[in-house]
Protein backbone atom coordinates (compact mmCIF):
# COMPACT_ATOMS: atom_id res chain seq x y z
CA MET A 1 0.00 0.02 0.08
CA TRP A 2 1.52 3.37 -1.05
CA LEU A 3 0.07 5.15 1.88
CA LYS A 4 2.28 3.45 4.43
CA PRO A 5 5.60 5.14 3.42
CA VAL A 6 4.05 8.62 3.09
CA ILE A 7 2.50 8.32 6.51
CA TYR A 8 6.12 6.97 7.91
CA SER A 9 7.70 9.97 6.23
CA VAL A 10 5.33 12.40 7.81
CA LEU A 11 5.72 10.95 11.20
CA ALA A 12 9.62 10.89 10.79
CA PHE A 13 9.43 14.58 9.91
CA LEU A 14 7.11 15.67 12.56
CA LEU A 15 9.21 13.79 15.11
CA ALA A 16 12.38 15.44 14.00
CA LEU A 17 10.47 18.97 14.28
CA ALA A 18 9.52 18.01 17.82
CA VAL A 19 13.18 17.10 18.85
CA ILE A 20 14.37 20.50 17.32
CA TYR A 21 11.74 22.32 19.29
CA ILE A 22 12.79 20.43 22.60
CA ASP A 23 16.47 21.08 21.79
CA LEU A 24 15.96 24.67 21.41
CA ASP A 25 14.16 24.83 24.71
CA ALA A 26 16.97 23.06 26.53
CA PHE A 27 19.62 25.12 24.77
CA LEU A 28 17.75 28.38 26.22
CA LEU A 29 17.45 26.79 29.69
CA ILE A 30 21.14 25.93 29.80
CA GLY A 31 22.38 29.03 28.06
CA ARG A 32 20.68 31.34 30.50
CA THR A 33 23.11 30.17 33.48
CA ALA A 34 26.15 28.95 31.30
CA ASP A 35 29.63 30.46 31.29
CA ASP A 36 31.14 31.83 28.08
CA SER A 37 32.88 28.57 26.99
CA LEU A 38 29.60 26.52 27.40
CA LYS A 39 27.61 29.19 25.60
CA LYS A 40 29.89 28.68 22.56
CA SER A 41 29.48 24.97 22.66
CA ILE A 42 25.67 25.45 23.06
CA TRP A 43 25.84 27.61 19.90
CA GLU A 44 27.88 24.96 17.82
CA LEU A 45 25.53 22.41 18.80
CA TYR A 46 22.48 24.44 17.67
CA ILE A 47 24.16 25.00 14.39
CA TYR A 48 24.98 21.26 14.01
CA SER A 49 21.48 20.33 14.94
CA MET A 50 19.81 22.79 12.28
CA GLU A 51 22.27 21.60 9.58
CA LYS A 52 20.88 18.08 9.70
CA PHE A 53 17.18 19.46 9.48
CA ASP A 54 15.76 20.41 6.10
CA SER A 55 14.24 23.65 6.69
CA ASN A 56 12.77 23.77 3.25
CA GLU A 57 10.15 21.28 4.26
CA LEU A 58 8.83 23.56 7.00
CA LYS A 59 5.62 25.41 7.00
CA ASP A 60 5.75 29.20 7.25
CA ILE A 61 4.55 29.25 10.80
CA ASP A 62 7.25 26.81 11.66
CA GLN A 63 9.96 28.94 10.19
CA ILE A 64 8.89 31.81 11.70
CA TYR A 65 8.72 30.00 15.08
CA LEU A 66 12.27 28.63 14.82
CA ASN A 67 13.62 31.98 13.57
CA GLU A 68 12.19 33.59 16.92
CA LYS A 69 13.78 30.87 18.87
CA LYS A 70 17.20 31.47 17.15
CA ARG A 71 17.06 35.08 17.65
CA GLU A 72 16.09 34.49 21.51
CA LEU A 73 19.08 31.75 21.62
CA SER A 74 21.67 34.16 20.04
CA THR A 75 20.62 36.83 22.56
CA VAL A 76 20.74 34.55 25.52
CA LEU A 77 24.27 33.27 24.32
CA GLY A 78 25.65 36.70 23.30
CA ILE A 79 26.02 35.69 19.82
CA ALA A 80 25.66 38.16 17.11
CA LEU A 81 23.64 37.25 14.09
């Protein structure tokens, strides 16, 4: 049945998106109390996480949310965009 692979693909994408959302919240939580060296590592981990994610598949609302979180994280970590 052709529908099964489509459903699995959609579920995998949604799971990946949920993991990114959770990661961002964790990065923000840790970054608020981290020292400068840890903040740099958090930013590098964020970049690594986002490189593995195909943002071209995102809906506009998800892209807006992720951009807002990126700005918030960069502010918390003291990273200039």
